[in-house]
Protein backbone atom coordinates (compact mmCIF):
# COMPACT_ATOMS: atom_id res chain seq x y z
CA MET A 1 -3.02 -12.51 46.24
CA GLU A 2 -1.30 -15.70 47.42
CA LYS A 3 -4.36 -16.65 49.54
CA ALA A 4 -6.65 -16.04 46.60
CA LEU A 5 -4.47 -18.23 44.35
CA ALA A 6 -4.39 -21.03 46.95
CA ALA A 7 -8.18 -20.88 47.31
CA TRP A 8 -8.59 -21.04 43.52
CA LEU A 9 -6.31 -24.06 43.29
CA LEU A 10 -8.24 -25.86 46.03
CA LEU A 11 -11.50 -25.11 44.23
CA ALA A 12 -10.07 -26.36 40.93
CA VAL A 13 -8.98 -29.62 42.56
CA SER A 14 -12.40 -30.11 44.20
CA LEU A 15 -14.15 -29.52 40.86
CA ALA A 16 -11.84 -31.83 38.91
CA PRO A 17 -13.81 -34.77 37.49
CA MET A 18 -13.30 -38.05 39.34
CA ALA A 19 -11.91 -40.87 37.23
CA GLY A 20 -14.74 -43.28 36.35
CA PRO A 21 -14.52 -47.06 36.88
CA THR A 22 -13.51 -47.89 33.29
CA GLU A 23 -10.91 -45.13 33.21
CA VAL A 24 -9.40 -46.43 36.48
CA ILE A 25 -9.02 -49.92 34.99
CA LYS A 26 -7.70 -48.61 31.66
CA VAL A 27 -5.03 -46.45 33.28
CA ALA A 28 -3.81 -49.31 35.50
CA VAL A 29 -3.76 -51.83 32.64
CA GLU A 30 -1.88 -49.40 30.39
CA GLU A 31 0.65 -48.74 33.16
CA VAL A 32 1.22 -52.47 33.59
CA ALA A 33 1.55 -52.98 29.82
CA ARG A 34 4.25 -50.29 29.68
CA VAL A 35 6.15 -51.95 32.52
CA VAL A 36 5.89 -55.46 31.03
CA GLU A 37 6.90 -54.24 27.56
CA ASP A 38 9.81 -52.10 28.85
CA SER A 39 12.92 -53.74 27.39
CA ASP A 40 15.13 -52.42 30.20
CA LEU A 41 12.88 -54.01 32.86
CA GLY A 42 12.72 -57.23 30.83
CA ARG A 43 16.39 -58.02 31.42
CA PRO A 44 17.05 -60.80 33.99
CA ALA A 45 18.84 -58.37 36.30
CA ALA A 46 15.77 -56.11 36.38
CA VAL A 47 13.12 -58.77 37.03
CA GLU A 48 12.65 -57.79 40.68
CA ARG A 49 12.41 -54.09 39.77
CA ARG A 50 9.66 -54.95 37.29
CA ARG A 51 7.75 -56.97 39.90
CA ILE A 52 8.05 -54.15 42.43
CA GLU A 53 6.62 -51.72 39.88
CA ILE A 54 3.70 -54.04 39.06
CA ARG A 55 3.01 -54.47 42.79
CA ARG A 56 2.93 -50.69 43.17
CA ILE A 57 0.30 -50.44 40.43
CA ALA A 58 -1.68 -53.30 42.00
CA LYS A 59 -1.72 -51.59 45.42
CA ASN A 60 -3.30 -48.52 43.82
CA LEU A 61 -5.86 -50.56 41.89
CA PHE A 62 -7.01 -53.18 44.41
CA ASP A 63 -8.65 -52.87 47.81
CA PHE A 64 -6.71 -55.77 49.31
CA PRO A 65 -8.15 -55.44 52.85
CA GLU A 66 -11.71 -55.67 51.47
CA MET A 67 -10.79 -58.63 49.28
CA ALA A 68 -9.23 -60.34 52.29
CA ARG A 69 -12.32 -59.74 54.42
CA ARG A 70 -14.64 -61.08 51.73
CA SER A 71 -12.42 -64.11 51.14
CA LEU A 72 -12.41 -65.06 54.81
CA ALA A 73 -16.18 -64.40 54.92
CA ARG A 74 -17.87 -65.54 58.15
CA HIS A 75 -14.54 -66.50 59.72
CA TRP A 76 -13.48 -62.83 59.67
CA SER A 77 -15.68 -61.91 62.64
CA ASP A 78 -13.96 -64.55 64.79
CA ARG A 79 -10.53 -63.01 64.33
CA THR A 80 -8.78 -60.52 66.61
CA ALA A 81 -7.47 -57.22 65.26
CA GLU A 82 -3.92 -58.65 65.16
CA GLU A 83 -5.10 -61.79 63.34
CA ARG A 84 -6.98 -59.71 60.80
CA GLN A 85 -3.92 -57.54 60.19
CA GLU A 86 -1.71 -60.57 59.56
CA PHE A 87 -4.31 -62.23 57.34
CA VAL A 88 -4.62 -59.09 55.19
CA ARG A 89 -0.83 -58.94 54.82
CA LEU A 90 -0.54 -62.63 53.87
CA PHE A 91 -3.52 -62.49 51.52
CA THR A 92 -2.18 -59.33 49.85
CA ASP A 93 1.17 -61.04 49.28
CA LEU A 94 -0.59 -64.08 47.81
CA LEU A 95 -2.81 -62.08 45.47
CA GLU A 96 0.03 -59.81 44.35
CA ARG A 97 2.08 -62.85 43.39
CA VAL A 98 -0.83 -64.30 41.40
CA TYR A 99 -1.44 -60.93 39.72
CA VAL A 100 2.24 -60.40 38.88
CA GLY A 101 2.57 -63.96 37.60
CA LYS A 102 -0.34 -63.58 35.20
CA LEU A 103 0.83 -60.19 33.94
CA GLU A 104 4.38 -61.38 33.31
CA ASN A 105 2.89 -63.68 30.64
CA TYR A 106 1.30 -60.69 28.87
CA SER A 107 2.53 -60.53 25.26
CA GLY A 108 0.62 -57.64 23.72
CA GLU A 109 -2.86 -59.20 23.54
CA ARG A 110 -5.56 -56.69 22.61
CA ILE A 111 -7.93 -55.64 25.40
CA PHE A 112 -11.43 -54.30 24.77
CA TYR A 113 -13.75 -52.65 27.27
CA VAL A 114 -17.27 -53.72 26.46
CA GLY A 115 -19.40 -52.12 29.17
CA GLU A 116 -19.71 -50.42 32.53
CA THR A 117 -22.47 -50.61 35.12
CA VAL A 118 -22.64 -48.23 38.07
CA ASP A 119 -25.04 -48.71 40.96
CA GLY A 120 -24.41 -46.12 43.66
CA HIS A 121 -21.06 -46.88 45.30
CA TYR A 122 -20.55 -50.08 43.30
CA ALA A 123 -19.58 -50.66 39.68
CA THR A 124 -18.67 -53.41 37.23
CA VAL A 125 -16.34 -52.93 34.27
CA ARG A 126 -16.59 -55.64 31.61
CA SER A 127 -13.65 -56.32 29.34
CA LYS A 128 -12.23 -59.07 27.16
CA ILE A 129 -8.79 -60.07 25.97
CA LEU A 130 -8.44 -61.38 22.44
CA ILE A 131 -6.47 -64.63 22.34
CA GLY A 132 -5.37 -65.81 18.91
CA ARG A 133 -7.64 -65.19 15.95
CA LYS A 134 -11.01 -66.13 17.41
CA GLY A 135 -10.55 -66.78 21.10
CA GLU A 136 -11.40 -64.28 23.80
CA LEU A 137 -11.20 -64.25 27.58
CA PRO A 138 -13.83 -62.21 29.47
CA ILE A 139 -12.53 -60.29 32.50
CA ASP A 140 -14.93 -58.36 34.74
CA TYR A 141 -13.74 -55.98 37.44
CA ARG A 142 -15.95 -55.23 40.44
CA LEU A 143 -15.22 -51.89 42.07
CA HIS A 144 -16.49 -49.78 44.93
CA LEU A 145 -15.92 -46.21 46.02
CA ILE A 146 -13.53 -45.38 48.83
CA GLY A 147 -13.83 -41.67 49.37
CA ALA A 148 -13.65 -40.27 45.85
CA ARG A 149 -11.68 -43.14 44.31
CA TRP A 150 -12.83 -46.31 42.57
CA VAL A 151 -10.92 -49.44 43.63
CA VAL A 152 -11.30 -53.10 42.69
CA TYR A 153 -12.59 -55.58 45.27
CA ASP A 154 -13.03 -58.60 42.98
CA VAL A 155 -12.07 -59.85 39.52
CA LEU A 156 -13.97 -62.43 37.47
CA ILE A 157 -11.96 -64.27 34.83
CA ASP A 158 -14.21 -66.15 32.43
CA GLY A 159 -16.97 -65.85 35.03
CA VAL A 160 -14.89 -67.22 37.92
CA SER A 161 -14.50 -64.87 40.88
CA PHE A 162 -11.10 -64.45 42.59
CA VAL A 163 -12.79 -63.80 45.93
CA SER A 164 -15.23 -66.71 45.67
CA THR A 165 -12.45 -69.10 44.67
CA TYR A 166 -10.27 -68.16 47.63
CA ARG A 167 -13.28 -68.12 49.98
CA ALA A 168 -14.03 -71.75 49.08
CA GLN A 169 -10.37 -72.78 49.49
CA PHE A 170 -9.92 -70.99 52.82
CA ASN A 171 -13.21 -72.28 54.21
CA ARG A 172 -12.27 -75.85 53.25
CA VAL A 173 -8.96 -75.64 55.14
CA ILE A 174 -10.58 -74.07 58.22
CA GLN A 175 -13.44 -76.60 58.26
CA THR A 176 -11.24 -79.66 57.79
CA SER A 177 -8.36 -78.43 59.94
CA SER A 178 -8.22 -74.99 61.58
CA TYR A 179 -7.65 -71.29 61.02
CA ASP A 180 -4.13 -71.67 62.42
CA ASP A 181 -3.40 -74.30 59.77
CA LEU A 182 -4.55 -71.89 57.05
CA ILE A 183 -2.23 -69.19 58.40
CA GLN A 184 0.68 -71.62 58.54
CA LYS A 185 0.09 -72.52 54.88
CA LEU A 186 -0.03 -68.84 53.86
CA ARG A 187 3.13 -68.07 55.86
CA ALA A 188 4.91 -70.99 54.16
CA LYS A 189 3.87 -69.69 50.73
CA GLU A 190 5.13 -66.23 51.61
CA LEU A 191 8.52 -67.57 52.71
CA GLU A 192 8.75 -69.84 49.67
CA HIS A 193 8.39 -66.91 47.26
CA ALA A 194 10.11 -64.20 49.26
CA THR A 195 13.09 -62.59 47.55
CA PRO A 196 16.29 -61.89 49.55
CA GLU A 197 15.50 -58.16 49.31
CA ARG A 198 12.04 -58.63 50.85
CA ASN A 199 13.44 -60.90 53.55
CA VAL A 200 15.89 -58.18 54.57
CA ARG A 201 13.08 -55.63 54.83
CA LYS A 202 11.13 -57.93 57.19
CA ARG A 203 14.01 -58.29 59.67
């Protein structure tokens, strides 16, 4: 009986519908909105707890290693495994800070999902945020499938790609200086914004 029940549960899980691209974005955005609007987490003493919670949501939503690889572009193939690992860590820290910073300014703006395009293992979710009475800010999410889960590998805000923007910045530093200089700059940024709690964890 127990084996039969376990087999039924496994079958039920395997037949459960996979969350679509738009649903993945909606759930993450709603989670973030709840965190940002939580009065307890809005108190000064709870700021770091709120940021940790937003980072947790971001880690589930974004494919940071893929975003890092795309941002480094042709320079990625020149890196050793250790260099790639460090770059992904530094880039993830950078992007999380940007993401958290933007979301901390969220003040209840209405978000609309205006379309979804799926092409095999890739998808685009188009949305817009209403700003004021007539203004709107288009935000497109580009996703791909990892296993059975949709994750974001790029975000376009008003048509400007996160990945393309960082790719241009990183390439400029490498071309005019060196890859080592880029890493030094990213390390400095990480240390500049590191909280005492995160510094302790790194020791």
